[in-house]
Amino acid sequence: MCEYSHVLALLRAWAADHLRRAPSGKKPEIANKTTERALRNRALAICRRLQGMAASQRPRYLDQAVRSL
């Protein structure tokens, strides 16, 4: 579950949905926070953090980390 590509896909999906639902005044700010480079760096950080966690805590942390853009 802690594969980099899986985490990155989750982040991309969440970012696209978040950007689509955002009010027009917030879209530039959200777009700046969800660039491809930012998402890749965030996915890498999440994967590193998941490696040190117990298996039972990983799904909960992953869900929270993806949704806290």
N, C-alpha and C. Protein backbone atom coordinates (compact mmCIF):
# COMPACT_ATOMS: atom_id res chain seq x y z
N MET A 1 0.82 -1.20 0.00
CA MET A 1 0.00 0.00 0.00
C MET A 1 0.85 1.25 0.00
N CYS A 2 2.09 1.15 0.41
CA CYS A 2 2.90 2.36 0.47
C CYS A 2 3.76 2.53 -0.77
N GLU A 3 3.31 2.05 -1.90
CA GLU A 3 4.03 2.28 -3.14
C GLU A 3 3.92 3.74 -3.53
N TYR A 4 5.03 4.26 -4.00
CA TYR A 4 5.10 5.66 -4.39
C TYR A 4 4.05 6.00 -5.45
N SER A 5 3.93 5.16 -6.45
CA SER A 5 2.99 5.44 -7.54
C SER A 5 1.54 5.47 -7.05
N HIS A 6 1.23 4.61 -6.10
CA HIS A 6 -0.13 4.58 -5.54
C HIS A 6 -0.41 5.86 -4.75
N VAL A 7 0.53 6.27 -3.94
CA VAL A 7 0.37 7.49 -3.15
C VAL A 7 0.27 8.70 -4.06
N LEU A 8 1.10 8.75 -5.09
CA LEU A 8 1.07 9.87 -6.02
C LEU A 8 -0.27 9.93 -6.76
N ALA A 9 -0.80 8.78 -7.14
CA ALA A 9 -2.10 8.75 -7.81
C ALA A 9 -3.21 9.26 -6.89
N LEU A 10 -3.16 8.87 -5.63
CA LEU A 10 -4.14 9.37 -4.66
C LEU A 10 -4.04 10.88 -4.50
N LEU A 11 -2.81 11.38 -4.42
CA LEU A 11 -2.62 12.83 -4.29
C LEU A 11 -3.11 13.58 -5.52
N ARG A 12 -2.83 13.04 -6.69
CA ARG A 12 -3.30 13.70 -7.92
C ARG A 12 -4.82 13.75 -7.98
N ALA A 13 -5.46 12.66 -7.62
CA ALA A 13 -6.92 12.60 -7.65
C ALA A 13 -7.51 13.58 -6.64
N TRP A 14 -6.95 13.60 -5.45
CA TRP A 14 -7.47 14.50 -4.42
C TRP A 14 -7.24 15.96 -4.82
N ALA A 15 -6.08 16.26 -5.38
CA ALA A 15 -5.79 17.63 -5.80
C ALA A 15 -6.74 18.09 -6.91
N ALA A 16 -7.00 17.23 -7.86
CA ALA A 16 -7.91 17.58 -8.95
C ALA A 16 -9.32 17.84 -8.42
N ASP A 17 -9.77 16.99 -7.52
CA ASP A 17 -11.10 17.17 -6.95
C ASP A 17 -11.15 18.44 -6.09
N HIS A 18 -10.12 18.66 -5.32
CA HIS A 18 -10.04 19.84 -4.45
C HIS A 18 -10.06 21.12 -5.28
N LEU A 19 -9.29 21.12 -6.37
CA LEU A 19 -9.23 22.29 -7.24
C LEU A 19 -10.57 22.53 -7.94
N ARG A 20 -11.22 21.46 -8.33
CA ARG A 20 -12.51 21.58 -9.01
C ARG A 20 -13.58 22.15 -8.08
N ARG A 21 -13.55 21.78 -6.82
CA ARG A 21 -14.57 22.22 -5.87
C ARG A 21 -14.27 23.56 -5.22
N ALA A 22 -13.07 24.07 -5.39
CA ALA A 22 -12.67 25.31 -4.72
C ALA A 22 -13.39 26.51 -5.31
N PRO A 23 -13.64 27.51 -4.47
CA PRO A 23 -14.19 28.76 -4.99
C PRO A 23 -13.18 29.42 -5.92
N SER A 24 -13.66 30.21 -6.85
CA SER A 24 -12.77 30.77 -7.87
C SER A 24 -11.67 31.64 -7.27
N GLY A 25 -11.90 32.25 -6.15
CA GLY A 25 -10.88 33.09 -5.52
C GLY A 25 -9.73 32.29 -4.93
N LYS A 26 -9.97 31.05 -4.57
CA LYS A 26 -8.95 30.19 -3.97
C LYS A 26 -8.21 29.32 -4.98
N LYS A 27 -8.70 29.24 -6.19
CA LYS A 27 -8.11 28.34 -7.19
C LYS A 27 -6.64 28.62 -7.48
N PRO A 28 -6.20 29.87 -7.63
CA PRO A 28 -4.76 30.08 -7.87
C PRO A 28 -3.89 29.60 -6.72
N GLU A 29 -4.33 29.81 -5.50
CA GLU A 29 -3.58 29.36 -4.33
C GLU A 29 -3.49 27.84 -4.28
N ILE A 30 -4.59 27.18 -4.54
CA ILE A 30 -4.63 25.71 -4.53
C ILE A 30 -3.81 25.15 -5.69
N ALA A 31 -3.91 25.78 -6.85
CA ALA A 31 -3.14 25.32 -8.00
C ALA A 31 -1.64 25.42 -7.73
N ASN A 32 -1.23 26.45 -7.02
CA ASN A 32 0.17 26.62 -6.67
C ASN A 32 0.64 25.53 -5.70
N LYS A 33 -0.22 25.12 -4.79
CA LYS A 33 0.13 24.09 -3.81
C LYS A 33 0.07 22.68 -4.39
N THR A 34 -0.56 22.52 -5.53
CA THR A 34 -0.74 21.19 -6.09
C THR A 34 -0.05 21.03 -7.44
N THR A 35 1.09 21.65 -7.60
CA THR A 35 1.86 21.45 -8.82
C THR A 35 2.39 20.02 -8.83
N GLU A 36 2.79 19.56 -9.99
CA GLU A 36 3.29 18.19 -10.10
C GLU A 36 4.50 17.98 -9.20
N ARG A 37 5.37 18.94 -9.17
CA ARG A 37 6.56 18.83 -8.31
C ARG A 37 6.19 18.75 -6.84
N ALA A 38 5.25 19.57 -6.42
CA ALA A 38 4.81 19.54 -5.01
C ALA A 38 4.16 18.21 -4.67
N LEU A 39 3.37 17.68 -5.59
CA LEU A 39 2.71 16.39 -5.34
C LEU A 39 3.74 15.25 -5.28
N ARG A 40 4.74 15.29 -6.14
CA ARG A 40 5.78 14.25 -6.11
C ARG A 40 6.57 14.30 -4.81
N ASN A 41 6.93 15.51 -4.38
CA ASN A 41 7.66 15.65 -3.13
C ASN A 41 6.83 15.19 -1.94
N ARG A 42 5.56 15.53 -1.96
CA ARG A 42 4.67 15.12 -0.87
C ARG A 42 4.50 13.60 -0.86
N ALA A 43 4.36 12.98 -2.03
CA ALA A 43 4.22 11.53 -2.10
C ALA A 43 5.47 10.84 -1.56
N LEU A 44 6.62 11.38 -1.87
CA LEU A 44 7.87 10.81 -1.37
C LEU A 44 7.94 10.91 0.15
N ALA A 45 7.57 12.05 0.68
CA ALA A 45 7.58 12.23 2.14
C ALA A 45 6.59 11.30 2.82
N ILE A 46 5.42 11.12 2.24
CA ILE A 46 4.42 10.23 2.81
C ILE A 46 4.93 8.79 2.80
N CYS A 47 5.54 8.37 1.70
CA CYS A 47 6.06 7.00 1.60
C CYS A 47 7.15 6.75 2.63
N ARG A 48 8.01 7.72 2.82
CA ARG A 48 9.06 7.58 3.84
C ARG A 48 8.47 7.44 5.23
N ARG A 49 7.45 8.22 5.50
CA ARG A 49 6.80 8.16 6.82
C ARG A 49 6.08 6.82 7.01
N LEU A 50 5.47 6.31 5.95
CA LEU A 50 4.74 5.05 6.05
C LEU A 50 5.67 3.87 6.33
N GLN A 51 6.91 3.94 5.87
CA GLN A 51 7.84 2.83 6.07
C GLN A 51 8.14 2.60 7.55
N GLY A 52 8.10 3.64 8.35
CA GLY A 52 8.39 3.50 9.76
C GLY A 52 7.18 3.21 10.62
N MET A 53 6.03 3.02 10.01
CA MET A 53 4.79 2.83 10.76
C MET A 53 4.37 1.37 10.82
N ALA A 54 3.60 1.08 11.83
CA ALA A 54 2.99 -0.24 11.92
C ALA A 54 1.93 -0.37 10.83
N ALA A 55 1.74 -1.57 10.35
CA ALA A 55 0.81 -1.81 9.24
C ALA A 55 -0.62 -1.38 9.58
N SER A 56 -0.98 -1.49 10.84
CA SER A 56 -2.35 -1.14 11.23
C SER A 56 -2.59 0.37 11.18
N GLN A 57 -1.56 1.18 11.29
CA GLN A 57 -1.70 2.63 11.29
C GLN A 57 -1.59 3.24 9.90
N ARG A 58 -1.06 2.51 8.94
CA ARG A 58 -0.79 3.05 7.61
C ARG A 58 -2.03 3.57 6.87
N PRO A 59 -3.12 2.80 6.79
CA PRO A 59 -4.28 3.31 6.02
C PRO A 59 -4.83 4.62 6.58
N ARG A 60 -4.90 4.71 7.89
CA ARG A 60 -5.45 5.92 8.51
C ARG A 60 -4.54 7.12 8.24
N TYR A 61 -3.24 6.93 8.40
CA TYR A 61 -2.30 8.02 8.15
C TYR A 61 -2.33 8.44 6.68
N LEU A 62 -2.37 7.47 5.79
CA LEU A 62 -2.39 7.77 4.36
C LEU A 62 -3.62 8.59 4.00
N ASP A 63 -4.75 8.21 4.52
CA ASP A 63 -5.99 8.96 4.25
C ASP A 63 -5.88 10.39 4.75
N GLN A 64 -5.38 10.57 5.96
CA GLN A 64 -5.25 11.92 6.51
C GLN A 64 -4.21 12.74 5.76
N ALA A 65 -3.10 12.11 5.39
CA ALA A 65 -2.03 12.84 4.71
C ALA A 65 -2.46 13.31 3.32
N VAL A 66 -3.21 12.48 2.62
CA VAL A 66 -3.66 12.84 1.27
C VAL A 66 -4.68 13.98 1.34
N ARG A 67 -5.53 13.94 2.31
CA ARG A 67 -6.59 14.94 2.40
C ARG A 67 -6.15 16.26 3.02
N SER A 68 -4.94 16.33 3.51
CA SER A 68 -4.49 17.58 4.16
C SER A 68 -3.60 18.41 3.25
N LEU A 69 -4.05 18.65 2.06
CA LEU A 69 -3.26 19.47 1.11
C LEU A 69 -3.25 20.91 1.56
